[in-house]
């Protein structure tokens, strides 16, 4: 069961603690790693959310998965979640932690979707334009290839969308032909 308020509270507490102990970057790395593990392994998420598996068994499995890879603070935090019965929210907490970290550091994530992989010079031009439009922020660009857009690109940031794809242009032309105001409806 997703609980964004609970995830945000736990993430905020962990972020405050990492700032206090000056190891935010290490815990950020761990939270990103946890996010990846949860995204790639549905079995891991099901294990965390299973009411049948005992908390001790969950703690042992998480410990085995993260043994030499995670910071001690991260491991202690996860063990606390398991003791409190909140381990099912770990994927959401990891996502909320990364989001809050980005807000703290003024990092804006921009999603760029293209039909084919971009050449470096084109990528640099797009990144330069986006960075120039956000002068007080750091920009993190996430690229995705989607052949269905046919050409051009789609740029997403926060709640804004700039669709310069050929698929979008073709859909607009289709709508113009469909709603042609210059030709009367003939019956």
C-alpha atoms as a PDB file:
ATOM      1  CA  UNK A   1       0.000   0.000   0.000  1.00  0.00           C
ATOM      2  CA  UNK A   2       1.482   3.330  -1.032  1.00  0.00           C
ATOM      3  CA  UNK A   3       1.496   6.057   1.569  1.00  0.00           C
ATOM      4  CA  UNK A   4       3.219   9.181   0.213  1.00  0.00           C
ATOM      5  CA  UNK A   5       2.832  11.202   3.417  1.00  0.00           C
ATOM      6  CA  UNK A   6       4.435   8.491   5.519  1.00  0.00           C
ATOM      7  CA  UNK A   7       7.223   8.049   2.946  1.00  0.00           C
ATOM      8  CA  UNK A   8       7.883  11.800   2.890  1.00  0.00           C
ATOM      9  CA  UNK A   9       8.085  11.945   6.692  1.00  0.00           C
ATOM     10  CA  UNK A  10      10.507   9.049   6.992  1.00  0.00           C
ATOM     11  CA  UNK A  11      12.582  10.414   4.097  1.00  0.00           C
ATOM     12  CA  UNK A  12      12.702  13.855   5.732  1.00  0.00           C
ATOM     13  CA  UNK A  13      13.826  12.341   9.041  1.00  0.00           C
ATOM     14  CA  UNK A  14      16.554  10.354   7.304  1.00  0.00           C
ATOM     15  CA  UNK A  15      17.672  13.394   5.301  1.00  0.00           C
ATOM     16  CA  UNK A  16      17.866  15.533   8.452  1.00  0.00           C
ATOM     17  CA  UNK A  17      19.898  12.830  10.179  1.00  0.00           C
ATOM     18  CA  UNK A  18      22.306  12.532   7.242  1.00  0.00           C
ATOM     19  CA  UNK A  19      22.798  16.288   7.181  1.00  0.00           C
ATOM     20  CA  UNK A  20      23.552  16.176  10.903  1.00  0.00           C
ATOM     21  CA  UNK A  21      26.066  13.360  10.472  1.00  0.00           C
ATOM     22  CA  UNK A  22      27.480  14.780   7.226  1.00  0.00           C
ATOM     23  CA  UNK A  23      27.036  11.624   5.142  1.00  0.00           C
ATOM     24  CA  UNK A  24      24.172  12.660   2.881  1.00  0.00           C
ATOM     25  CA  UNK A  25      25.951  11.656  -0.328  1.00  0.00           C
ATOM     26  CA  UNK A  26      26.576   8.087   0.859  1.00  0.00           C
ATOM     27  CA  UNK A  27      22.974   7.603   1.977  1.00  0.00           C
ATOM     28  CA  UNK A  28      21.770   9.164  -1.296  1.00  0.00           C
ATOM     29  CA  UNK A  29      23.807   6.541  -3.152  1.00  0.00           C
ATOM     30  CA  UNK A  30      22.223   3.830  -1.005  1.00  0.00           C
ATOM     31  CA  UNK A  31      18.698   5.140  -1.587  1.00  0.00           C
ATOM     32  CA  UNK A  32      19.281   5.249  -5.341  1.00  0.00           C
ATOM     33  CA  UNK A  33      20.606   1.705  -5.168  1.00  0.00           C
ATOM     34  CA  UNK A  34      17.511   0.609  -3.214  1.00  0.00           C
ATOM     35  CA  UNK A  35      15.300   2.333  -5.748  1.00  0.00           C
ATOM     36  CA  UNK A  36      17.051   0.408  -8.550  1.00  0.00           C
ATOM     37  CA  UNK A  37      16.791  -2.899  -6.680  1.00  0.00           C
ATOM     38  CA  UNK A  38      13.063  -2.350  -6.140  1.00  0.00           C
ATOM     39  CA  UNK A  39      12.553  -1.327  -9.778  1.00  0.00           C
ATOM     40  CA  UNK A  40      14.407  -4.378 -11.099  1.00  0.00           C
ATOM     41  CA  UNK A  41      13.203  -7.011  -8.645  1.00  0.00           C
ATOM     42  CA  UNK A  42       9.491  -7.331  -8.102  1.00  0.00           C
ATOM     43  CA  UNK A  43      10.255 -10.304  -5.838  1.00  0.00           C
ATOM     44  CA  UNK A  44      12.190  -8.034  -3.451  1.00  0.00           C
ATOM     45  CA  UNK A  45       9.253  -5.611  -3.242  1.00  0.00           C
ATOM     46  CA  UNK A  46       6.824  -8.497  -2.714  1.00  0.00           C
ATOM     47  CA  UNK A  47       9.069  -9.805   0.065  1.00  0.00           C
ATOM     48  CA  UNK A  48       8.996  -6.413   1.800  1.00  0.00           C
ATOM     49  CA  UNK A  49       5.211  -6.231   1.503  1.00  0.00           C
ATOM     50  CA  UNK A  50       4.493  -9.828   2.472  1.00  0.00           C
ATOM     51  CA  UNK A  51       2.609 -10.228   5.762  1.00  0.00           C
ATOM     52  CA  UNK A  52       3.592 -13.907   5.840  1.00  0.00           C
ATOM     53  CA  UNK A  53       7.379 -13.420   6.006  1.00  0.00           C
ATOM     54  CA  UNK A  54       8.487 -12.662   9.559  1.00  0.00           C
ATOM     55  CA  UNK A  55      10.334  -9.402  10.273  1.00  0.00           C
ATOM     56  CA  UNK A  56      13.510 -11.251  11.351  1.00  0.00           C
ATOM     57  CA  UNK A  57      13.630 -13.072   8.019  1.00  0.00           C
ATOM     58  CA  UNK A  58      13.099  -9.792   6.116  1.00  0.00           C
ATOM     59  CA  UNK A  59      15.887  -8.129   8.095  1.00  0.00           C
ATOM     60  CA  UNK A  60      18.246 -11.034   7.358  1.00  0.00           C
ATOM     61  CA  UNK A  61      17.476 -10.931   3.629  1.00  0.00           C
ATOM     62  CA  UNK A  62      17.877  -7.147   3.405  1.00  0.00           C
ATOM     63  CA  UNK A  63      21.127  -7.430   5.373  1.00  0.00           C
ATOM     64  CA  UNK A  64      22.392 -10.093   2.948  1.00  0.00           C
ATOM     65  CA  UNK A  65      21.465  -7.997  -0.098  1.00  0.00           C
ATOM     66  CA  UNK A  66      23.016  -4.766   1.209  1.00  0.00           C
ATOM     67  CA  UNK A  67      25.789  -6.173   3.451  1.00  0.00           C
ATOM     68  CA  UNK A  68      28.917  -4.586   1.951  1.00  0.00           C
ATOM     69  CA  UNK A  69      27.172  -2.127  -0.344  1.00  0.00           C
ATOM     70  CA  UNK A  70      25.298   0.185   2.034  1.00  0.00           C
ATOM     71  CA  UNK A  71      26.258   2.690   4.688  1.00  0.00           C
ATOM     72  CA  UNK A  72      25.718   1.727   8.340  1.00  0.00           C
ATOM     73  CA  UNK A  73      23.189   4.536   8.781  1.00  0.00           C
ATOM     74  CA  UNK A  74      21.173   3.207   5.855  1.00  0.00           C
ATOM     75  CA  UNK A  75      21.216  -0.312   7.275  1.00  0.00           C
ATOM     76  CA  UNK A  76      20.187   0.961  10.717  1.00  0.00           C
ATOM     77  CA  UNK A  77      17.366   2.969   9.132  1.00  0.00           C
ATOM     78  CA  UNK A  78      16.073  -0.065   7.217  1.00  0.00           C
ATOM     79  CA  UNK A  79      16.248  -2.202  10.363  1.00  0.00           C
ATOM     80  CA  UNK A  80      14.229   0.483  12.179  1.00  0.00           C
ATOM     81  CA  UNK A  81      11.618   0.379   9.418  1.00  0.00           C
ATOM     82  CA  UNK A  82      11.415  -3.402   9.724  1.00  0.00           C
ATOM     83  CA  UNK A  83      11.082  -3.251  13.528  1.00  0.00           C
ATOM     84  CA  UNK A  84       8.290  -0.680  13.192  1.00  0.00           C
ATOM     85  CA  UNK A  85       6.515  -2.727  10.499  1.00  0.00           C
ATOM     86  CA  UNK A  86       7.021  -0.046   7.838  1.00  0.00           C
ATOM     87  CA  UNK A  87       9.294  -2.017   5.482  1.00  0.00           C
ATOM     88  CA  UNK A  88       6.548  -2.204   2.865  1.00  0.00           C
ATOM     89  CA  UNK A  89       7.029   1.538   2.336  1.00  0.00           C
ATOM     90  CA  UNK A  90      10.776   1.277   1.667  1.00  0.00           C
ATOM     91  CA  UNK A  91      10.505   1.777  -2.136  1.00  0.00           C
ATOM     92  CA  UNK A  92       8.429   4.933  -1.657  1.00  0.00           C
ATOM     93  CA  UNK A  93      10.742   6.188   1.093  1.00  0.00           C
ATOM     94  CA  UNK A  94      13.774   5.747  -1.169  1.00  0.00           C
ATOM     95  CA  UNK A  95      12.038   7.698  -3.945  1.00  0.00           C
ATOM     96  CA  UNK A  96      10.944  10.435  -1.526  1.00  0.00           C
ATOM     97  CA  UNK A  97      14.488  10.704  -0.121  1.00  0.00           C
ATOM     98  CA  UNK A  98      15.972  11.264  -3.595  1.00  0.00           C
ATOM     99  CA  UNK A  99      13.257  13.820  -4.385  1.00  0.00           C
ATOM    100  CA  UNK A 100      13.850  15.746  -1.156  1.00  0.00           C
ATOM    101  CA  UNK A 101      17.612  15.670  -1.696  1.00  0.00           C
ATOM    102  CA  UNK A 102      17.152  17.173  -5.163  1.00  0.00           C
ATOM    103  CA  UNK A 103      14.912  19.899  -3.746  1.00  0.00           C
ATOM    104  CA  UNK A 104      17.503  20.655  -1.075  1.00  0.00           C
ATOM    105  CA  UNK A 105      20.310  20.948  -3.633  1.00  0.00           C
ATOM    106  CA  UNK A 106      18.191  22.754  -6.291  1.00  0.00           C
ATOM    107  CA  UNK A 107      18.599  19.941  -8.786  1.00  0.00           C
ATOM    108  CA  UNK A 108      15.979  19.857 -11.531  1.00  0.00           C
ATOM    109  CA  UNK A 109      15.436  16.661 -13.482  1.00  0.00           C
ATOM    110  CA  UNK A 110      14.643  17.009 -17.159  1.00  0.00           C
ATOM    111  CA  UNK A 111      13.396  14.000 -19.147  1.00  0.00           C
ATOM    112  CA  UNK A 112      14.365  14.033 -22.815  1.00  0.00           C
ATOM    113  CA  UNK A 113      12.750  11.494 -25.133  1.00  0.00           C
ATOM    114  CA  UNK A 114      14.023  11.078 -28.685  1.00  0.00           C
ATOM    115  CA  UNK A 115      13.316   8.631 -31.493  1.00  0.00           C
ATOM    116  CA  UNK A 116      16.994   7.717 -31.865  1.00  0.00           C
ATOM    117  CA  UNK A 117      20.031   8.181 -29.608  1.00  0.00           C
ATOM    118  CA  UNK A 118      21.358  11.749 -29.786  1.00  0.00           C
ATOM    119  CA  UNK A 119      24.766  12.819 -31.008  1.00  0.00           C
ATOM    120  CA  UNK A 120      26.844  14.490 -28.333  1.00  0.00           C
ATOM    121  CA  UNK A 121      26.725  17.951 -29.969  1.00  0.00           C
ATOM    122  CA  UNK A 122      22.908  17.918 -30.142  1.00  0.00           C
ATOM    123  CA  UNK A 123      22.698  16.676 -26.547  1.00  0.00           C
ATOM    124  CA  UNK A 124      25.006  19.502 -25.445  1.00  0.00           C
ATOM    125  CA  UNK A 125      22.905  22.124 -27.268  1.00  0.00           C
ATOM    126  CA  UNK A 126      19.683  20.938 -25.669  1.00  0.00           C
ATOM    127  CA  UNK A 127      21.325  20.710 -22.252  1.00  0.00           C
ATOM    128  CA  UNK A 128      22.758  24.227 -22.690  1.00  0.00           C
ATOM    129  CA  UNK A 129      19.347  25.690 -23.549  1.00  0.00           C
ATOM    130  CA  UNK A 130      17.682  23.969 -20.604  1.00  0.00           C
ATOM    131  CA  UNK A 131      20.444  24.995 -18.189  1.00  0.00           C
ATOM    132  CA  UNK A 132      20.235  28.597 -19.415  1.00  0.00           C
ATOM    133  CA  UNK A 133      16.498  28.653 -18.701  1.00  0.00           C
ATOM    134  CA  UNK A 134      17.144  27.508 -15.102  1.00  0.00           C
ATOM    135  CA  UNK A 135      19.989  29.760 -13.929  1.00  0.00           C
ATOM    136  CA  UNK A 136      19.745  29.061 -10.186  1.00  0.00           C
ATOM    137  CA  UNK A 137      19.437  25.303 -10.509  1.00  0.00           C
ATOM    138  CA  UNK A 138      21.576  22.356 -11.411  1.00  0.00           C
ATOM    139  CA  UNK A 139      20.134  20.336 -14.262  1.00  0.00           C
ATOM    140  CA  UNK A 140      20.076  16.569 -14.435  1.00  0.00           C
ATOM    141  CA  UNK A 141      19.030  15.200 -17.823  1.00  0.00           C
ATOM    142  CA  UNK A 142      17.517  11.732 -18.143  1.00  0.00           C
ATOM    143  CA  UNK A 143      17.453  10.475 -21.726  1.00  0.00           C
ATOM    144  CA  UNK A 144      15.084   7.911 -23.158  1.00  0.00           C
ATOM    145  CA  UNK A 145      14.759   6.529 -26.681  1.00  0.00           C
ATOM    146  CA  UNK A 146      11.217   5.917 -27.942  1.00  0.00           C
ATOM    147  CA  UNK A 147      10.915   5.161 -31.681  1.00  0.00           C
ATOM    148  CA  UNK A 148       7.143   5.770 -31.530  1.00  0.00           C
ATOM    149  CA  UNK A 149       7.650   9.557 -31.580  1.00  0.00           C
ATOM    150  CA  UNK A 150       9.090   9.108 -35.111  1.00  0.00           C
ATOM    151  CA  UNK A 151      11.505  12.057 -34.853  1.00  0.00           C
ATOM    152  CA  UNK A 152      12.171  15.259 -32.969  1.00  0.00           C
ATOM    153  CA  UNK A 153      12.070  15.196 -29.180  1.00  0.00           C
ATOM    154  CA  UNK A 154       9.848  15.504 -26.131  1.00  0.00           C
ATOM    155  CA  UNK A 155      11.159  17.475 -23.155  1.00  0.00           C
ATOM    156  CA  UNK A 156       9.518  17.100 -19.732  1.00  0.00           C
ATOM    157  CA  UNK A 157      10.334  19.021 -16.581  1.00  0.00           C
ATOM    158  CA  UNK A 158       8.153  19.144 -13.488  1.00  0.00           C
ATOM    159  CA  UNK A 159       4.651  19.754 -14.843  1.00  0.00           C
ATOM    160  CA  UNK A 160       5.774  21.249 -18.159  1.00  0.00           C
ATOM    161  CA  UNK A 161       5.914  19.393 -21.469  1.00  0.00           C
ATOM    162  CA  UNK A 162       7.489  20.592 -24.719  1.00  0.00           C
ATOM    163  CA  UNK A 163       6.536  18.207 -27.505  1.00  0.00           C
ATOM    164  CA  UNK A 164       8.572  18.816 -30.661  1.00  0.00           C
ATOM    165  CA  UNK A 165       8.034  15.313 -32.003  1.00  0.00           C
ATOM    166  CA  UNK A 166       6.966  14.409 -35.500  1.00  0.00           C
ATOM    167  CA  UNK A 167       4.188  12.242 -34.055  1.00  0.00           C
ATOM    168  CA  UNK A 168       2.745  15.358 -32.383  1.00  0.00           C
ATOM    169  CA  UNK A 169       3.048  17.376 -35.608  1.00  0.00           C
ATOM    170  CA  UNK A 170       1.265  14.639 -37.585  1.00  0.00           C
ATOM    171  CA  UNK A 171      -1.510  14.494 -34.994  1.00  0.00           C
ATOM    172  CA  UNK A 172      -1.965  18.280 -35.263  1.00  0.00           C
ATOM    173  CA  UNK A 173      -2.172  18.088 -39.074  1.00  0.00           C
ATOM    174  CA  UNK A 174      -4.689  15.249 -38.743  1.00  0.00           C
ATOM    175  CA  UNK A 175      -6.839  17.387 -36.439  1.00  0.00           C
ATOM    176  CA  UNK A 176      -6.635  20.339 -38.850  1.00  0.00           C
ATOM    177  CA  UNK A 177      -7.866  18.160 -41.704  1.00  0.00           C
ATOM    178  CA  UNK A 178     -10.574  16.704 -39.503  1.00  0.00           C
ATOM    179  CA  UNK A 179     -11.776  20.139 -38.372  1.00  0.00           C
ATOM    180  CA  UNK A 180     -11.224  22.004 -41.630  1.00  0.00           C
ATOM    181  CA  UNK A 181     -13.040  25.295 -41.241  1.00  0.00           C
ATOM    182  CA  UNK A 182     -12.673  26.192 -44.929  1.00  0.00           C
ATOM    183  CA  UNK A 183     -14.755  23.330 -46.261  1.00  0.00           C
ATOM    184  CA  UNK A 184     -18.410  23.257 -45.342  1.00  0.00           C
ATOM    185  CA  UNK A 185     -19.890  20.007 -44.218  1.00  0.00           C
ATOM    186  CA  UNK A 186     -21.495  18.497 -47.311  1.00  0.00           C
ATOM    187  CA  UNK A 187     -24.501  16.311 -46.752  1.00  0.00           C
END
